[in-house]
Every structure is written in structure tokens, then in C-alpha cells.
N, C-alpha and C. Protein backbone atom coordinates (compact mmCIF):
# COMPACT_ATOMS: atom_id res chain seq x y z
N UNK A 1 104.11 77.54 79.66
CA UNK A 1 104.46 78.94 79.80
C UNK A 1 104.99 79.47 78.48
N UNK A 2 104.73 80.71 78.22
CA UNK A 2 105.19 81.36 77.00
C UNK A 2 106.56 81.98 77.23
N UNK A 3 107.52 81.71 76.35
CA UNK A 3 108.85 82.32 76.42
C UNK A 3 109.48 82.17 77.80
N UNK A 4 109.22 81.11 78.49
CA UNK A 4 109.78 80.90 79.82
C UNK A 4 109.99 79.44 80.07
N UNK A 5 109.73 79.03 81.25
CA UNK A 5 109.92 77.63 81.62
C UNK A 5 108.73 76.83 81.13
N UNK A 6 108.99 75.77 80.42
CA UNK A 6 107.90 74.92 79.93
C UNK A 6 107.33 74.12 81.10
N UNK A 7 106.16 73.57 80.90
CA UNK A 7 105.52 72.78 81.95
C UNK A 7 106.40 71.60 82.35
N UNK A 8 107.06 70.98 81.39
CA UNK A 8 107.95 69.85 81.69
C UNK A 8 109.13 70.28 82.53
N UNK A 9 109.72 71.42 82.21
CA UNK A 9 110.85 71.93 83.00
C UNK A 9 110.39 72.37 84.38
N UNK A 10 109.19 72.95 84.47
CA UNK A 10 108.65 73.38 85.76
C UNK A 10 108.49 72.18 86.68
N UNK A 11 108.05 71.07 86.16
CA UNK A 11 107.85 69.87 86.97
C UNK A 11 109.17 69.37 87.55
N UNK A 12 110.28 69.67 86.90
CA UNK A 12 111.58 69.22 87.36
C UNK A 12 112.20 70.13 88.41
N UNK A 13 111.59 71.29 88.66
CA UNK A 13 112.12 72.21 89.67
C UNK A 13 111.93 71.63 91.06
N UNK A 14 112.81 72.03 91.98
CA UNK A 14 112.66 71.57 93.36
C UNK A 14 111.46 72.28 94.00
N UNK A 15 111.00 71.76 95.13
CA UNK A 15 109.86 72.40 95.80
C UNK A 15 110.23 73.81 96.26
N UNK A 16 111.47 74.03 96.66
CA UNK A 16 111.91 75.37 97.04
C UNK A 16 111.87 76.34 95.88
N UNK A 17 112.31 75.87 94.69
CA UNK A 17 112.28 76.72 93.50
C UNK A 17 110.83 77.06 93.12
N UNK A 18 109.94 76.09 93.22
CA UNK A 18 108.53 76.34 92.93
C UNK A 18 107.93 77.33 93.94
N UNK A 19 108.33 77.20 95.19
CA UNK A 19 107.86 78.14 96.22
C UNK A 19 108.31 79.56 95.91
N UNK A 20 109.55 79.72 95.49
CA UNK A 20 110.04 81.06 95.15
C UNK A 20 109.26 81.64 93.97
N UNK A 21 108.89 80.80 93.00
CA UNK A 21 108.07 81.25 91.87
C UNK A 21 106.69 81.66 92.38
N UNK A 22 106.11 80.87 93.28
CA UNK A 22 104.81 81.21 93.86
C UNK A 22 104.86 82.55 94.58
N UNK A 23 105.89 82.75 95.41
CA UNK A 23 106.02 84.01 96.14
C UNK A 23 106.21 85.19 95.19
N UNK A 24 107.02 85.00 94.16
CA UNK A 24 107.22 86.07 93.18
C UNK A 24 105.91 86.41 92.48
N UNK A 25 105.11 85.40 92.19
CA UNK A 25 103.80 85.64 91.55
C UNK A 25 102.87 86.41 92.46
N UNK A 26 102.85 86.05 93.75
CA UNK A 26 102.00 86.76 94.72
C UNK A 26 102.43 88.22 94.84
N UNK A 27 103.73 88.45 94.93
CA UNK A 27 104.23 89.81 95.07
C UNK A 27 103.96 90.62 93.80
N UNK A 28 104.12 90.00 92.64
CA UNK A 28 103.81 90.68 91.38
C UNK A 28 102.33 91.02 91.30
N UNK A 29 101.47 90.09 91.68
CA UNK A 29 100.03 90.34 91.68
C UNK A 29 99.69 91.48 92.64
N UNK A 30 100.31 91.48 93.82
CA UNK A 30 100.11 92.54 94.81
C UNK A 30 100.49 93.90 94.20
N UNK A 31 101.65 93.96 93.56
CA UNK A 31 102.12 95.21 92.95
C UNK A 31 101.17 95.67 91.84
N UNK A 32 100.77 94.75 90.96
CA UNK A 32 99.86 95.10 89.86
C UNK A 32 98.53 95.60 90.41
N UNK A 33 98.00 94.91 91.38
CA UNK A 33 96.71 95.32 91.98
C UNK A 33 96.82 96.72 92.58
N UNK A 34 97.88 96.97 93.34
CA UNK A 34 98.02 98.26 94.01
C UNK A 34 98.30 99.41 93.05
N UNK A 35 98.83 99.12 91.89
CA UNK A 35 99.09 100.20 90.93
C UNK A 35 97.92 100.41 89.97
N UNK A 36 96.98 99.48 89.93
CA UNK A 36 95.85 99.62 89.00
C UNK A 36 94.52 99.81 89.70
N UNK A 37 94.50 99.70 91.01
CA UNK A 37 93.25 99.78 91.76
C UNK A 37 93.22 101.04 92.61
N UNK A 38 92.04 101.55 92.83
CA UNK A 38 91.90 102.73 93.71
C UNK A 38 92.17 102.36 95.16
N UNK A 39 91.87 101.12 95.53
CA UNK A 39 92.11 100.67 96.89
C UNK A 39 93.23 99.65 96.90
N UNK A 40 94.29 99.96 97.60
CA UNK A 40 95.42 99.05 97.66
C UNK A 40 95.21 97.95 98.68
N UNK A 41 95.95 96.89 98.53
CA UNK A 41 95.93 95.79 99.49
C UNK A 41 97.04 96.03 100.50
N UNK A 42 96.72 95.92 101.78
CA UNK A 42 97.73 96.14 102.80
C UNK A 42 97.89 94.93 103.71
N UNK A 43 97.47 93.76 103.21
CA UNK A 43 97.49 92.56 104.03
C UNK A 43 97.68 91.33 103.15
N UNK A 44 98.58 90.44 103.52
CA UNK A 44 98.75 89.17 102.82
C UNK A 44 98.60 88.03 103.82
N UNK A 45 97.82 87.04 103.47
CA UNK A 45 97.66 85.82 104.26
C UNK A 45 98.29 84.70 103.46
N UNK A 46 99.36 84.13 103.99
CA UNK A 46 100.13 83.13 103.26
C UNK A 46 100.14 81.82 104.05
N UNK A 47 99.60 80.78 103.47
CA UNK A 47 99.47 79.49 104.15
C UNK A 47 100.59 78.55 103.74
N UNK A 48 101.50 78.28 104.65
CA UNK A 48 102.60 77.32 104.49
C UNK A 48 103.49 77.60 103.28
N UNK A 49 103.71 78.85 102.95
CA UNK A 49 104.56 79.16 101.80
C UNK A 49 106.04 78.98 102.09
N UNK A 50 106.42 78.91 103.35
CA UNK A 50 107.85 78.80 103.69
C UNK A 50 108.28 77.37 103.97
N UNK A 51 107.34 76.43 103.95
CA UNK A 51 107.62 75.06 104.37
C UNK A 51 108.70 74.36 103.55
N UNK A 52 108.81 74.64 102.28
CA UNK A 52 109.76 73.91 101.44
C UNK A 52 111.07 74.67 101.23
N UNK A 53 111.24 75.79 101.93
CA UNK A 53 112.47 76.57 101.78
C UNK A 53 113.48 76.19 102.86
N UNK A 54 114.77 76.28 102.51
CA UNK A 54 115.81 76.07 103.51
C UNK A 54 115.95 77.35 104.34
N UNK A 55 116.84 77.33 105.31
CA UNK A 55 116.99 78.46 106.23
C UNK A 55 117.25 79.77 105.49
N UNK A 56 118.20 79.74 104.54
CA UNK A 56 118.52 80.96 103.78
C UNK A 56 117.33 81.41 102.95
N UNK A 57 116.59 80.46 102.38
CA UNK A 57 115.41 80.81 101.60
C UNK A 57 114.32 81.45 102.45
N UNK A 58 114.15 80.94 103.68
CA UNK A 58 113.16 81.52 104.60
C UNK A 58 113.56 82.95 104.94
N UNK A 59 114.84 83.15 105.28
CA UNK A 59 115.29 84.51 105.62
C UNK A 59 115.09 85.48 104.46
N UNK A 60 115.41 85.04 103.24
CA UNK A 60 115.25 85.88 102.06
C UNK A 60 113.77 86.19 101.82
N UNK A 61 112.92 85.17 101.92
CA UNK A 61 111.48 85.38 101.70
C UNK A 61 110.91 86.35 102.73
N UNK A 62 111.29 86.17 104.00
CA UNK A 62 110.80 87.08 105.05
C UNK A 62 111.30 88.49 104.82
N UNK A 63 112.53 88.63 104.35
CA UNK A 63 113.07 89.96 104.05
C UNK A 63 112.28 90.64 102.94
N UNK A 64 111.98 89.88 101.89
CA UNK A 64 111.20 90.43 100.76
C UNK A 64 109.80 90.81 101.22
N UNK A 65 109.15 89.93 102.01
CA UNK A 65 107.80 90.22 102.49
C UNK A 65 107.80 91.45 103.40
N UNK A 66 108.83 91.57 104.24
CA UNK A 66 108.91 92.73 105.13
C UNK A 66 109.11 94.02 104.33
N UNK A 67 109.83 93.94 103.22
CA UNK A 67 110.08 95.13 102.41
C UNK A 67 108.81 95.68 101.76
N UNK A 68 107.76 94.85 101.69
CA UNK A 68 106.50 95.32 101.12
C UNK A 68 105.81 96.32 102.03
N UNK A 69 106.21 96.36 103.29
CA UNK A 69 105.67 97.27 104.30
C UNK A 69 104.14 97.14 104.42
N UNK A 70 103.70 95.89 104.47
CA UNK A 70 102.29 95.60 104.71
C UNK A 70 102.23 94.50 105.78
N UNK A 71 101.05 94.23 106.26
CA UNK A 71 100.88 93.18 107.26
C UNK A 71 100.92 91.82 106.57
N UNK A 72 101.76 90.93 107.07
CA UNK A 72 101.87 89.57 106.55
C UNK A 72 101.50 88.60 107.65
N UNK A 73 100.53 87.76 107.40
CA UNK A 73 100.17 86.71 108.33
C UNK A 73 100.59 85.40 107.69
N UNK A 74 101.57 84.74 108.31
CA UNK A 74 102.12 83.50 107.76
C UNK A 74 101.65 82.33 108.61
N UNK A 75 101.11 81.33 107.96
CA UNK A 75 100.72 80.10 108.64
C UNK A 75 101.80 79.08 108.37
N UNK A 76 102.35 78.50 109.44
CA UNK A 76 103.45 77.55 109.28
C UNK A 76 103.37 76.48 110.34
N UNK A 77 103.73 75.26 109.97
CA UNK A 77 103.79 74.17 110.94
C UNK A 77 105.20 74.05 111.50
N UNK A 78 106.19 74.34 110.69
CA UNK A 78 107.58 74.30 111.12
C UNK A 78 108.05 75.73 111.36
N UNK A 79 108.17 76.13 112.62
CA UNK A 79 108.54 77.51 112.93
C UNK A 79 109.99 77.64 113.37
N UNK A 80 110.78 76.57 113.26
CA UNK A 80 112.17 76.62 113.69
C UNK A 80 112.98 77.67 112.93
N UNK A 81 112.74 77.79 111.63
CA UNK A 81 113.54 78.71 110.81
C UNK A 81 112.91 80.10 110.68
N UNK A 82 111.81 80.34 111.36
CA UNK A 82 111.13 81.61 111.20
C UNK A 82 111.51 82.56 112.33
N UNK A 83 112.08 83.67 111.94
CA UNK A 83 112.41 84.73 112.88
C UNK A 83 111.36 85.80 112.66
N UNK A 84 110.55 86.06 113.67
CA UNK A 84 109.45 87.00 113.50
C UNK A 84 109.30 87.85 114.74
N UNK A 85 108.55 88.91 114.59
CA UNK A 85 108.30 89.80 115.72
C UNK A 85 107.31 89.16 116.70
N UNK A 86 106.29 88.53 116.18
CA UNK A 86 105.27 87.90 117.02
C UNK A 86 104.94 86.54 116.43
N UNK A 87 104.93 85.54 117.26
CA UNK A 87 104.55 84.20 116.82
C UNK A 87 103.40 83.73 117.70
N UNK A 88 102.32 83.34 117.08
CA UNK A 88 101.20 82.75 117.80
C UNK A 88 101.28 81.25 117.58
N UNK A 89 101.39 80.52 118.65
CA UNK A 89 101.46 79.06 118.54
C UNK A 89 100.12 78.48 118.99
N UNK A 90 99.52 77.70 118.13
CA UNK A 90 98.24 77.06 118.44
C UNK A 90 98.48 75.60 118.77
N UNK A 91 98.04 75.18 119.93
CA UNK A 91 98.21 73.80 120.37
C UNK A 91 96.83 73.22 120.63
N UNK A 92 96.55 72.10 119.96
CA UNK A 92 95.25 71.45 120.14
C UNK A 92 95.44 70.19 120.96
N UNK A 93 94.72 70.14 122.09
CA UNK A 93 94.76 68.99 122.96
C UNK A 93 93.35 68.72 123.48
N UNK A 94 92.91 67.51 123.33
CA UNK A 94 91.58 67.12 123.83
C UNK A 94 90.49 68.05 123.29
N UNK A 95 90.54 68.32 122.00
CA UNK A 95 89.53 69.15 121.31
C UNK A 95 89.53 70.61 121.74
N UNK A 96 90.57 71.07 122.45
CA UNK A 96 90.67 72.47 122.86
C UNK A 96 91.94 73.05 122.24
N UNK A 97 91.79 74.17 121.55
CA UNK A 97 92.93 74.84 120.95
C UNK A 97 93.35 76.00 121.84
N UNK A 98 94.62 76.04 122.20
CA UNK A 98 95.17 77.11 123.02
C UNK A 98 96.16 77.90 122.17
N UNK A 99 96.10 79.21 122.25
CA UNK A 99 97.00 80.06 121.47
C UNK A 99 98.00 80.71 122.44
N UNK A 100 99.28 80.53 122.14
CA UNK A 100 100.34 81.11 122.94
C UNK A 100 101.04 82.17 122.11
N UNK A 101 101.42 83.28 122.74
CA UNK A 101 102.21 84.31 122.06
C UNK A 101 103.65 84.12 122.50
N UNK A 102 104.52 83.94 121.50
CA UNK A 102 105.96 83.76 121.80
C UNK A 102 106.68 85.09 121.63
């Protein structure tokens, strides 16, 4: 990285710190795209981005994502720390996937 964290220092960051950098990059990209493009993005699909965050980190990340005022679809295996308006739980048993709305 230029004028920032070197690759060696980045490798020493915790998984939660790396996740926060990833989320900040996604949000920055979203902002840049929406300010430079005629068509804005109003949807984010995020796969397991909250998995390495602690409870406070999850709450902060969800707060930031909600402040974007766009649709966020989060894929997560550990939903204990996720407070959401709608949770779809997919359960696969005997080659059949059932979706439950919590």
C-alpha cells in the first residue's frame, strides 16, 4: 500500500480489522460509483462479511450499512449476533433446502 499500511503490517492485522477494511472499501467503492455514474447502485450482496467481527463490530457494521439507505442482503452462517428486520434461515436436510422466515 502507498502511504498506508504495508503488506507486512496488513498481514499482522486481526481478521476483524481486515473485515472492517474490506467493508470500508466496499462502502467507498459504492460512494464513488454512485457519484460518478448515471445509474446508482441500490443493492449490496455481502457474503459472510460479519463472520470475523465481535458483537460490537457486528452492530457497528450493521449500523453503517443501514445508514447507506439501500437494500443489503447479508449471507451469514452465524446469525447469533445479527439483529435484523428479516432473517431467512435455510436448512438443508436430505438434499432438500427449506427456507424459514424469522
